[in-house]
Amino acid sequence: MKSIIIIFISLLFYLVVDAQNLIPNPSFEIHDTCPDAPAQLRFCTNWYSPTSTTPDYFFRCTDSSINPPFVQDGIYQWPKNGEGEIVKVKLEFV
């Protein structure tokens, strides 16, 4: 009997509880100004860099000279959905 009550309460919470997105501006779509150079994360609303690193903010409204890094053979990797993306390039010296 106790296990039936636990299962019933679990199912009730499963049907009633709804998930929410707690990340503001998750796809980097909301911005103050279009970035015109690398390392302008400050233009993306609700995002900042907590360290001294400078992630690059790319948005399609920018000048054609500012594009995301090449993936291969001059092909750019634009975001899967939306217009904005943040790129952090890791350089390794061997």
C-alpha atoms as a PDB file:
ATOM      1  CA  MET A   1       0.000   0.000   0.000  1.00  0.00           C
ATOM      2  CA  LYS A   2       2.823   2.362   0.855  1.00  0.00           C
ATOM      3  CA  SER A   3       4.495   1.788  -2.514  1.00  0.00           C
ATOM      4  CA  ILE A   4       1.237   2.492  -4.355  1.00  0.00           C
ATOM      5  CA  ILE A   5       0.915   5.844  -2.595  1.00  0.00           C
ATOM      6  CA  ILE A   6       4.513   6.725  -3.480  1.00  0.00           C
ATOM      7  CA  ILE A   7       3.934   5.799  -7.129  1.00  0.00           C
ATOM      8  CA  PHE A   8       0.717   7.820  -7.222  1.00  0.00           C
ATOM      9  CA  ILE A   9       2.394  10.909  -5.739  1.00  0.00           C
ATOM     10  CA  SER A  10       5.320  10.529  -8.145  1.00  0.00           C
ATOM     11  CA  LEU A  11       2.977  10.350 -11.129  1.00  0.00           C
ATOM     12  CA  LEU A  12       1.032  13.330  -9.839  1.00  0.00           C
ATOM     13  CA  PHE A  13       4.213  15.437  -9.626  1.00  0.00           C
ATOM     14  CA  TYR A  14       5.301  14.215 -13.042  1.00  0.00           C
ATOM     15  CA  LEU A  15       2.064  15.423 -14.612  1.00  0.00           C
ATOM     16  CA  VAL A  16       1.844  18.709 -12.709  1.00  0.00           C
ATOM     17  CA  VAL A  17       5.449  19.952 -12.575  1.00  0.00           C
ATOM     18  CA  ASP A  18       6.554  21.819 -15.677  1.00  0.00           C
ATOM     19  CA  ALA A  19      10.154  22.635 -16.567  1.00  0.00           C
ATOM     20  CA  GLN A  20      11.426  26.131 -17.190  1.00  0.00           C
ATOM     21  CA  ASN A  21      14.524  27.609 -18.734  1.00  0.00           C
ATOM     22  CA  LEU A  22      16.556  29.431 -16.083  1.00  0.00           C
ATOM     23  CA  ILE A  23      19.187  30.768 -18.485  1.00  0.00           C
ATOM     24  CA  PRO A  24      18.427  34.297 -19.697  1.00  0.00           C
ATOM     25  CA  ASN A  25      19.069  34.824 -23.413  1.00  0.00           C
ATOM     26  CA  PRO A  26      20.157  31.194 -24.016  1.00  0.00           C
ATOM     27  CA  SER A  27      20.651  31.547 -27.767  1.00  0.00           C
ATOM     28  CA  PHE A  28      22.468  34.934 -27.630  1.00  0.00           C
ATOM     29  CA  GLU A  29      19.743  36.604 -29.719  1.00  0.00           C
ATOM     30  CA  ILE A  30      19.170  39.699 -27.566  1.00  0.00           C
ATOM     31  CA  HIS A  31      21.916  42.285 -27.935  1.00  0.00           C
ATOM     32  CA  ASP A  32      22.469  46.006 -27.417  1.00  0.00           C
ATOM     33  CA  THR A  33      24.705  46.629 -30.415  1.00  0.00           C
ATOM     34  CA  CYS A  34      25.928  44.470 -33.267  1.00  0.00           C
ATOM     35  CA  PRO A  35      29.507  43.411 -32.592  1.00  0.00           C
ATOM     36  CA  ASP A  36      32.006  44.809 -35.071  1.00  0.00           C
ATOM     37  CA  ALA A  37      35.146  43.103 -33.754  1.00  0.00           C
ATOM     38  CA  PRO A  38      36.083  39.975 -31.809  1.00  0.00           C
ATOM     39  CA  ALA A  39      35.871  39.920 -27.986  1.00  0.00           C
ATOM     40  CA  GLN A  40      32.696  42.006 -27.658  1.00  0.00           C
ATOM     41  CA  LEU A  41      30.658  39.775 -25.395  1.00  0.00           C
ATOM     42  CA  ARG A  42      29.540  42.898 -23.502  1.00  0.00           C
ATOM     43  CA  PHE A  43      27.061  43.635 -26.329  1.00  0.00           C
ATOM     44  CA  CYS A  44      25.151  40.405 -25.646  1.00  0.00           C
ATOM     45  CA  THR A  45      22.420  41.055 -23.074  1.00  0.00           C
ATOM     46  CA  ASN A  46      22.649  39.097 -19.779  1.00  0.00           C
ATOM     47  CA  TRP A  47      26.072  37.615 -20.566  1.00  0.00           C
ATOM     48  CA  TYR A  48      29.527  38.505 -19.316  1.00  0.00           C
ATOM     49  CA  SER A  49      32.932  36.879 -18.974  1.00  0.00           C
ATOM     50  CA  PRO A  50      33.725  36.143 -15.308  1.00  0.00           C
ATOM     51  CA  THR A  51      37.454  35.875 -16.051  1.00  0.00           C
ATOM     52  CA  SER A  52      39.935  37.907 -18.028  1.00  0.00           C
ATOM     53  CA  THR A  53      39.358  35.747 -21.120  1.00  0.00           C
ATOM     54  CA  THR A  54      37.525  37.260 -24.045  1.00  0.00           C
ATOM     55  CA  PRO A  55      35.012  34.952 -25.734  1.00  0.00           C
ATOM     56  CA  ASP A  56      34.023  36.176 -29.180  1.00  0.00           C
ATOM     57  CA  TYR A  57      30.411  37.161 -29.851  1.00  0.00           C
ATOM     58  CA  PHE A  58      29.260  36.750 -33.438  1.00  0.00           C
ATOM     59  CA  PHE A  59      25.922  37.883 -34.820  1.00  0.00           C
ATOM     60  CA  ARG A  60      24.739  37.874 -38.440  1.00  0.00           C
ATOM     61  CA  CYS A  61      24.074  41.612 -38.463  1.00  0.00           C
ATOM     62  CA  THR A  62      27.822  42.256 -38.412  1.00  0.00           C
ATOM     63  CA  ASP A  63      29.997  43.369 -41.284  1.00  0.00           C
ATOM     64  CA  SER A  64      31.011  40.572 -43.644  1.00  0.00           C
ATOM     65  CA  SER A  65      34.648  40.991 -42.541  1.00  0.00           C
ATOM     66  CA  ILE A  66      33.762  39.728 -39.043  1.00  0.00           C
ATOM     67  CA  ASN A  67      32.831  36.059 -39.363  1.00  0.00           C
ATOM     68  CA  PRO A  68      33.062  33.060 -37.061  1.00  0.00           C
ATOM     69  CA  PRO A  69      36.208  30.941 -37.316  1.00  0.00           C
ATOM     70  CA  PHE A  70      36.627  28.695 -40.329  1.00  0.00           C
ATOM     71  CA  VAL A  71      35.613  25.092 -39.849  1.00  0.00           C
ATOM     72  CA  GLN A  72      37.327  23.888 -42.995  1.00  0.00           C
ATOM     73  CA  ASP A  73      38.133  25.163 -46.482  1.00  0.00           C
ATOM     74  CA  GLY A  74      36.686  28.632 -45.920  1.00  0.00           C
ATOM     75  CA  ILE A  75      33.302  27.372 -44.666  1.00  0.00           C
ATOM     76  CA  TYR A  76      31.893  29.167 -41.622  1.00  0.00           C
ATOM     77  CA  GLN A  77      30.016  27.386 -38.857  1.00  0.00           C
ATOM     78  CA  TRP A  78      26.987  29.575 -38.146  1.00  0.00           C
ATOM     79  CA  PRO A  79      24.687  28.715 -35.214  1.00  0.00           C
ATOM     80  CA  LYS A  80      22.290  25.808 -35.510  1.00  0.00           C
ATOM     81  CA  ASN A  81      19.344  28.044 -34.656  1.00  0.00           C
ATOM     82  CA  GLY A  82      19.056  31.794 -34.419  1.00  0.00           C
ATOM     83  CA  GLU A  83      21.578  34.408 -35.477  1.00  0.00           C
ATOM     84  CA  GLY A  84      24.030  34.709 -32.572  1.00  0.00           C
ATOM     85  CA  GLU A  85      26.794  32.572 -31.109  1.00  0.00           C
ATOM     86  CA  ILE A  86      29.689  32.814 -28.700  1.00  0.00           C
ATOM     87  CA  VAL A  87      32.977  31.168 -29.586  1.00  0.00           C
ATOM     88  CA  LYS A  88      35.875  30.372 -27.323  1.00  0.00           C
ATOM     89  CA  VAL A  89      38.927  29.191 -29.243  1.00  0.00           C
ATOM     90  CA  LYS A  90      41.403  27.048 -27.363  1.00  0.00           C
ATOM     91  CA  LEU A  91      44.944  27.317 -28.618  1.00  0.00           C
ATOM     92  CA  GLU A  92      47.415  24.606 -27.769  1.00  0.00           C
ATOM     93  CA  PHE A  93      51.092  25.001 -28.416  1.00  0.00           C
ATOM     94  CA  VAL A  94      52.957  21.751 -28.867  1.00  0.00           C
END
